[in-house]
Amino acid sequence: MPKKKAVLTINITDNEVIQHLREYRFGKNLENLHCIYCGSKNVIKYGWRGPTRRYKCKDCGKTFTDTTGTIFENSKIKPSTWLLIAYLHLKLGLTTSAIARELGMPYKTVWEVVKKIQKAAKFFQRHAKA
C-alpha cells in the first residue's frame, strides 16, 4: 500500500526548531550552558549529531545534545512534526485518528507522540500553578 502524503505542514524547519530549543535551554550565545547531568558550567562543544549540537562535560565526562532530556530525544519523528502534532491535538483538539489521517502517519506512531505530549503538558500545568 503506498504511503499517504501529508495534507498539513508547518512552516518551520527542523533546524529552526532545534535552534529555538537550544536558545531556550542554554541562551542565545550559550551563556547558560551547563551539564544537564551534574549542573557544571565546565562544558565544551563536542561536535554535531545532525542539526543538534553535542556537548561534553569536563567534570563528569558525560556527553549530551540540545535534545537530551526532551521529548525530541532519540525520536525518529522530525521536531517540526512533533510541533504540528502538539498544535493539532492541544490547540485544535483533534483526535489521534484525525491527526494520523491528516498527516498520513500510522495511528500507533501518532498515539505514542500524543501520549508524550500530554504527559509534558500535564507536567507544565502542574508546575505553572506552583
N, C-alpha and C. Protein backbone atom coordinates (compact mmCIF):
# COMPACT_ATOMS: atom_id res chain seq x y z
N MET A 1 0.84 -1.18 0.00
CA MET A 1 0.00 0.00 0.00
C MET A 1 0.89 1.24 0.00
N PRO A 2 0.67 2.20 -0.91
CA PRO A 2 1.51 3.40 -0.95
C PRO A 2 1.29 4.28 0.27
N LYS A 3 2.37 4.94 0.70
CA LYS A 3 2.30 5.83 1.85
C LYS A 3 1.51 7.08 1.48
N LYS A 4 0.63 7.50 2.39
CA LYS A 4 -0.16 8.71 2.16
C LYS A 4 0.73 9.94 2.25
N LYS A 5 0.42 10.93 1.45
CA LYS A 5 1.13 12.21 1.51
C LYS A 5 0.46 13.07 2.56
N ALA A 6 1.28 13.74 3.38
CA ALA A 6 0.75 14.60 4.43
C ALA A 6 -0.04 15.75 3.81
N VAL A 7 -1.20 16.02 4.39
CA VAL A 7 -2.05 17.11 3.92
C VAL A 7 -1.62 18.42 4.58
N LEU A 8 -1.25 18.33 5.84
CA LEU A 8 -0.86 19.52 6.60
C LEU A 8 0.65 19.59 6.75
N THR A 9 1.17 20.80 6.75
CA THR A 9 2.59 21.01 7.00
C THR A 9 2.73 22.19 7.95
N ILE A 10 3.94 22.40 8.43
CA ILE A 10 4.23 23.51 9.33
C ILE A 10 5.35 24.32 8.71
N ASN A 11 5.29 25.63 8.88
CA ASN A 11 6.26 26.50 8.22
C ASN A 11 7.45 26.82 9.13
N ILE A 12 8.10 25.79 9.62
CA ILE A 12 9.32 25.93 10.41
C ILE A 12 10.17 24.69 10.13
N THR A 13 11.45 24.90 9.94
CA THR A 13 12.32 23.77 9.64
C THR A 13 12.74 23.07 10.92
N ASP A 14 13.21 21.86 10.78
CA ASP A 14 13.70 21.10 11.94
C ASP A 14 14.91 21.80 12.56
N ASN A 15 15.76 22.36 11.72
CA ASN A 15 16.93 23.09 12.23
C ASN A 15 16.50 24.29 13.06
N GLU A 16 15.44 24.99 12.63
CA GLU A 16 14.94 26.14 13.38
C GLU A 16 14.35 25.71 14.72
N VAL A 17 13.65 24.57 14.74
CA VAL A 17 13.10 24.06 16.00
C VAL A 17 14.23 23.77 16.97
N ILE A 18 15.26 23.08 16.50
CA ILE A 18 16.39 22.74 17.37
C ILE A 18 17.11 24.00 17.82
N GLN A 19 17.27 24.97 16.93
CA GLN A 19 17.92 26.22 17.30
C GLN A 19 17.13 26.95 18.39
N HIS A 20 15.81 27.01 18.26
CA HIS A 20 14.98 27.65 19.29
C HIS A 20 15.08 26.90 20.61
N LEU A 21 15.08 25.58 20.54
CA LEU A 21 15.23 24.77 21.75
C LEU A 21 16.57 25.05 22.42
N ARG A 22 17.65 25.09 21.62
CA ARG A 22 18.99 25.37 22.15
C ARG A 22 19.03 26.74 22.83
N GLU A 23 18.46 27.75 22.18
CA GLU A 23 18.45 29.10 22.75
C GLU A 23 17.62 29.16 24.02
N TYR A 24 16.50 28.46 24.05
CA TYR A 24 15.64 28.44 25.23
C TYR A 24 16.36 27.79 26.42
N ARG A 25 17.03 26.68 26.15
CA ARG A 25 17.70 25.94 27.22
C ARG A 25 19.00 26.58 27.69
N PHE A 26 19.80 27.06 26.73
CA PHE A 26 21.17 27.46 27.06
C PHE A 26 21.49 28.93 26.75
N GLY A 27 20.54 29.69 26.27
CA GLY A 27 20.77 31.10 25.94
C GLY A 27 21.17 31.30 24.49
N LYS A 28 20.94 32.51 24.01
CA LYS A 28 21.21 32.80 22.59
C LYS A 28 22.67 32.55 22.21
N ASN A 29 23.59 32.87 23.12
CA ASN A 29 25.02 32.67 22.86
C ASN A 29 25.59 31.59 23.77
N LEU A 30 24.76 30.67 24.20
CA LEU A 30 25.14 29.58 25.10
C LEU A 30 25.65 30.08 26.45
N GLU A 31 25.19 31.27 26.85
CA GLU A 31 25.65 31.84 28.12
C GLU A 31 25.16 31.05 29.34
N ASN A 32 24.12 30.27 29.19
CA ASN A 32 23.59 29.46 30.29
C ASN A 32 23.91 27.98 30.12
N LEU A 33 24.89 27.67 29.28
CA LEU A 33 25.25 26.28 29.02
C LEU A 33 25.75 25.62 30.30
N HIS A 34 25.17 24.49 30.61
CA HIS A 34 25.55 23.71 31.78
C HIS A 34 25.31 22.24 31.51
N CYS A 35 25.97 21.38 32.23
CA CYS A 35 25.78 19.94 32.08
C CYS A 35 24.40 19.58 32.61
N ILE A 36 23.63 18.87 31.82
CA ILE A 36 22.29 18.51 32.26
C ILE A 36 22.31 17.35 33.27
N TYR A 37 23.47 16.75 33.45
CA TYR A 37 23.60 15.65 34.41
C TYR A 37 24.09 16.12 35.78
N CYS A 38 25.16 16.93 35.79
CA CYS A 38 25.74 17.33 37.09
C CYS A 38 25.59 18.83 37.38
N GLY A 39 25.17 19.61 36.38
CA GLY A 39 24.96 21.04 36.58
C GLY A 39 26.20 21.90 36.39
N SER A 40 27.33 21.28 36.11
CA SER A 40 28.59 22.02 35.95
C SER A 40 28.53 22.97 34.75
N LYS A 41 29.22 24.09 34.88
CA LYS A 41 29.35 25.05 33.76
C LYS A 41 30.60 24.74 32.93
N ASN A 42 31.37 23.74 33.35
CA ASN A 42 32.61 23.37 32.69
C ASN A 42 32.30 22.42 31.51
N VAL A 43 31.65 22.98 30.49
CA VAL A 43 31.16 22.21 29.34
C VAL A 43 31.78 22.76 28.07
N ILE A 44 32.12 21.86 27.15
CA ILE A 44 32.68 22.26 25.86
C ILE A 44 31.79 21.76 24.73
N LYS A 45 31.84 22.46 23.60
CA LYS A 45 31.17 21.99 22.39
C LYS A 45 31.91 20.74 21.92
N TYR A 46 31.14 19.75 21.44
CA TYR A 46 31.73 18.44 21.15
C TYR A 46 31.22 17.90 19.82
N GLY A 47 31.05 18.76 18.83
CA GLY A 47 30.62 18.32 17.50
C GLY A 47 29.12 18.44 17.31
N TRP A 48 28.65 17.71 16.29
CA TRP A 48 27.24 17.77 15.90
C TRP A 48 26.70 16.36 15.72
N ARG A 49 25.43 16.18 15.95
CA ARG A 49 24.70 14.96 15.60
C ARG A 49 23.49 15.45 14.79
N GLY A 50 23.68 15.51 13.46
CA GLY A 50 22.67 16.11 12.60
C GLY A 50 22.57 17.59 12.92
N PRO A 51 21.34 18.11 13.09
CA PRO A 51 21.20 19.54 13.41
C PRO A 51 21.42 19.86 14.89
N THR A 52 21.63 18.84 15.71
CA THR A 52 21.78 19.08 17.14
C THR A 52 23.25 19.17 17.53
N ARG A 53 23.54 20.15 18.34
CA ARG A 53 24.89 20.36 18.84
C ARG A 53 25.16 19.36 19.97
N ARG A 54 26.36 18.79 19.99
CA ARG A 54 26.78 17.91 21.08
C ARG A 54 27.68 18.69 22.03
N TYR A 55 27.63 18.29 23.29
CA TYR A 55 28.44 18.92 24.33
C TYR A 55 29.07 17.84 25.19
N LYS A 56 30.19 18.19 25.86
CA LYS A 56 30.83 17.27 26.79
C LYS A 56 31.15 18.03 28.07
N CYS A 57 30.77 17.41 29.18
CA CYS A 57 31.07 17.99 30.49
C CYS A 57 32.48 17.57 30.88
N LYS A 58 33.31 18.53 31.20
CA LYS A 58 34.69 18.23 31.58
C LYS A 58 34.79 17.78 33.03
N ASP A 59 33.69 17.92 33.80
CA ASP A 59 33.71 17.47 35.19
C ASP A 59 33.24 16.02 35.32
N CYS A 60 32.06 15.70 34.78
CA CYS A 60 31.55 14.32 34.92
C CYS A 60 31.87 13.45 33.71
N GLY A 61 32.31 14.06 32.59
CA GLY A 61 32.71 13.31 31.40
C GLY A 61 31.56 12.86 30.50
N LYS A 62 30.32 13.18 30.87
CA LYS A 62 29.18 12.75 30.06
C LYS A 62 28.97 13.70 28.88
N THR A 63 28.43 13.13 27.80
CA THR A 63 28.08 13.93 26.64
C THR A 63 26.57 14.03 26.57
N PHE A 64 26.11 15.12 25.94
CA PHE A 64 24.67 15.33 25.75
C PHE A 64 24.48 16.23 24.55
N THR A 65 23.24 16.33 24.10
CA THR A 65 22.91 17.15 22.94
C THR A 65 21.86 18.18 23.33
N ASP A 66 21.49 19.01 22.37
CA ASP A 66 20.44 20.00 22.58
C ASP A 66 19.12 19.34 22.98
N THR A 67 18.88 18.11 22.52
CA THR A 67 17.59 17.46 22.75
C THR A 67 17.58 16.48 23.92
N THR A 68 18.73 16.23 24.54
CA THR A 68 18.79 15.28 25.65
C THR A 68 17.86 15.74 26.76
N GLY A 69 17.02 14.82 27.21
CA GLY A 69 16.08 15.12 28.29
C GLY A 69 14.80 15.79 27.83
N THR A 70 14.59 15.89 26.52
CA THR A 70 13.36 16.48 25.99
C THR A 70 12.57 15.41 25.25
N ILE A 71 11.36 15.76 24.82
CA ILE A 71 10.55 14.79 24.08
C ILE A 71 11.13 14.50 22.70
N PHE A 72 12.04 15.33 22.24
CA PHE A 72 12.68 15.10 20.93
C PHE A 72 13.82 14.09 21.00
N GLU A 73 14.30 13.77 22.20
CA GLU A 73 15.47 12.90 22.35
C GLU A 73 15.23 11.52 21.73
N ASN A 74 16.15 11.11 20.88
CA ASN A 74 16.14 9.79 20.22
C ASN A 74 14.86 9.51 19.42
N SER A 75 14.18 10.54 18.99
CA SER A 75 12.94 10.35 18.24
C SER A 75 13.22 10.28 16.75
N LYS A 76 12.53 9.38 16.07
CA LYS A 76 12.64 9.30 14.61
C LYS A 76 11.68 10.28 13.94
N ILE A 77 10.79 10.85 14.74
CA ILE A 77 9.84 11.84 14.24
C ILE A 77 10.54 13.20 14.20
N LYS A 78 10.39 13.93 13.11
CA LYS A 78 11.02 15.24 12.97
C LYS A 78 10.48 16.20 14.03
N PRO A 79 11.33 17.09 14.53
CA PRO A 79 10.86 18.07 15.51
C PRO A 79 9.69 18.92 15.02
N SER A 80 9.71 19.30 13.74
CA SER A 80 8.60 20.10 13.20
C SER A 80 7.30 19.30 13.21
N THR A 81 7.38 18.00 13.02
CA THR A 81 6.19 17.15 13.06
C THR A 81 5.68 17.05 14.50
N TRP A 82 6.58 16.97 15.48
CA TRP A 82 6.17 16.99 16.88
C TRP A 82 5.35 18.24 17.17
N LEU A 83 5.85 19.40 16.71
CA LEU A 83 5.14 20.66 16.96
C LEU A 83 3.78 20.68 16.28
N LEU A 84 3.73 20.16 15.07
CA LEU A 84 2.45 20.13 14.35
C LEU A 84 1.45 19.23 15.06
N ILE A 85 1.88 18.06 15.52
CA ILE A 85 1.00 17.16 16.25
C ILE A 85 0.54 17.81 17.55
N ALA A 86 1.45 18.47 18.26
CA ALA A 86 1.09 19.16 19.50
C ALA A 86 0.04 20.23 19.23
N TYR A 87 0.23 21.00 18.19
CA TYR A 87 -0.73 22.07 17.84
C TYR A 87 -2.10 21.47 17.50
N LEU A 88 -2.09 20.46 16.67
CA LEU A 88 -3.36 19.85 16.25
C LEU A 88 -4.11 19.24 17.43
N HIS A 89 -3.36 18.64 18.35
CA HIS A 89 -4.00 17.97 19.48
C HIS A 89 -4.37 18.94 20.61
N LEU A 90 -3.40 19.74 21.04
CA LEU A 90 -3.63 20.61 22.20
C LEU A 90 -4.43 21.86 21.87
N LYS A 91 -4.16 22.47 20.74
CA LYS A 91 -4.82 23.73 20.38
C LYS A 91 -6.13 23.51 19.64
N LEU A 92 -6.11 22.61 18.65
CA LEU A 92 -7.31 22.40 17.85
C LEU A 92 -8.18 21.25 18.34
N GLY A 93 -7.64 20.43 19.26
CA GLY A 93 -8.43 19.35 19.85
C GLY A 93 -8.68 18.16 18.93
N LEU A 94 -7.86 17.99 17.90
CA LEU A 94 -8.04 16.85 17.01
C LEU A 94 -7.70 15.55 17.73
N THR A 95 -8.39 14.49 17.38
CA THR A 95 -8.14 13.18 17.95
C THR A 95 -6.90 12.58 17.29
N THR A 96 -6.37 11.56 17.92
CA THR A 96 -5.21 10.86 17.37
C THR A 96 -5.52 10.32 15.98
N SER A 97 -6.70 9.75 15.81
CA SER A 97 -7.10 9.22 14.49
C SER A 97 -7.12 10.30 13.43
N ALA A 98 -7.68 11.45 13.77
CA ALA A 98 -7.77 12.55 12.80
C ALA A 98 -6.38 13.06 12.44
N ILE A 99 -5.50 13.17 13.44
CA ILE A 99 -4.14 13.64 13.17
C ILE A 99 -3.41 12.65 12.27
N ALA A 100 -3.52 11.37 12.58
CA ALA A 100 -2.87 10.33 11.77
C ALA A 100 -3.36 10.40 10.32
N ARG A 101 -4.64 10.58 10.17
CA ARG A 101 -5.24 10.66 8.83
C ARG A 101 -4.72 11.90 8.09
N GLU A 102 -4.72 13.05 8.76
CA GLU A 102 -4.30 14.30 8.12
C GLU A 102 -2.82 14.31 7.75
N LEU A 103 -2.00 13.67 8.60
CA LEU A 103 -0.55 13.68 8.36
C LEU A 103 -0.07 12.48 7.56
N GLY A 104 -0.97 11.52 7.32
CA GLY A 104 -0.58 10.33 6.58
C GLY A 104 0.40 9.47 7.36
N MET A 105 0.24 9.46 8.69
CA MET A 105 1.14 8.69 9.56
C MET A 105 0.38 7.54 10.19
N PRO A 106 1.10 6.48 10.60
CA PRO A 106 0.43 5.37 11.29
C PRO A 106 -0.19 5.84 12.60
N TYR A 107 -1.38 5.32 12.92
CA TYR A 107 -2.09 5.68 14.14
C TYR A 107 -1.21 5.46 15.36
N LYS A 108 -0.54 4.30 15.44
CA LYS A 108 0.25 3.96 16.62
C LYS A 108 1.37 4.97 16.85
N THR A 109 2.01 5.43 15.78
CA THR A 109 3.08 6.41 15.89
C THR A 109 2.54 7.71 16.47
N VAL A 110 1.42 8.19 15.92
CA VAL A 110 0.82 9.44 16.40
C VAL A 110 0.36 9.27 17.84
N TRP A 111 -0.20 8.10 18.17
CA TRP A 111 -0.66 7.83 19.54
C TRP A 111 0.48 7.94 20.54
N GLU A 112 1.66 7.38 20.19
CA GLU A 112 2.82 7.47 21.07
C GLU A 112 3.27 8.92 21.26
N VAL A 113 3.28 9.69 20.18
CA VAL A 113 3.67 11.10 20.25
C VAL A 113 2.67 11.87 21.11
N VAL A 114 1.38 11.66 20.89
CA VAL A 114 0.34 12.36 21.66
C VAL A 114 0.46 12.03 23.14
N LYS A 115 0.74 10.77 23.47
CA LYS A 115 0.91 10.39 24.88
C LYS A 115 2.03 11.18 25.53
N LYS A 116 3.16 11.30 24.84
CA LYS A 116 4.30 12.04 25.38
C LYS A 116 3.99 13.53 25.49
N ILE A 117 3.28 14.06 24.52
CA ILE A 117 2.91 15.48 24.55
C ILE A 117 1.96 15.75 25.71
N GLN A 118 0.99 14.86 25.91
CA GLN A 118 0.05 15.02 27.02
C GLN A 118 0.77 14.97 28.36
N LYS A 119 1.72 14.07 28.49
CA LYS A 119 2.49 13.95 29.74
C LYS A 119 3.27 15.23 29.99
N ALA A 120 3.91 15.76 28.96
CA ALA A 120 4.67 17.00 29.09
C ALA A 120 3.74 18.17 29.42
N ALA A 121 2.58 18.22 28.79
CA ALA A 121 1.62 19.31 29.04
C ALA A 121 1.14 19.26 30.49
N LYS A 122 0.86 18.07 31.01
CA LYS A 122 0.43 17.93 32.41
C LYS A 122 1.52 18.38 33.36
N PHE A 123 2.77 18.04 33.05
CA PHE A 123 3.90 18.45 33.87
C PHE A 123 3.95 19.98 33.97
N PHE A 124 3.82 20.65 32.82
CA PHE A 124 3.92 22.11 32.81
C PHE A 124 2.70 22.75 33.48
N GLN A 125 1.53 22.15 33.35
CA GLN A 125 0.34 22.67 34.02
C GLN A 125 0.52 22.59 35.53
N ARG A 126 1.04 21.47 36.03
CA ARG A 126 1.26 21.30 37.48
C ARG A 126 2.26 22.31 38.00
N HIS A 127 3.35 22.52 37.25
CA HIS A 127 4.42 23.38 37.72
C HIS A 127 4.10 24.88 37.51
N ALA A 128 3.18 25.19 36.61
CA ALA A 128 2.79 26.58 36.39
C ALA A 128 1.96 27.09 37.57
N LYS A 129 1.23 26.18 38.22
CA LYS A 129 0.37 26.56 39.35
C LYS A 129 1.17 26.78 40.62
N ALA A 130 2.34 26.17 40.71
CA ALA A 130 3.15 26.26 41.94
C ALA A 130 3.75 27.62 42.17
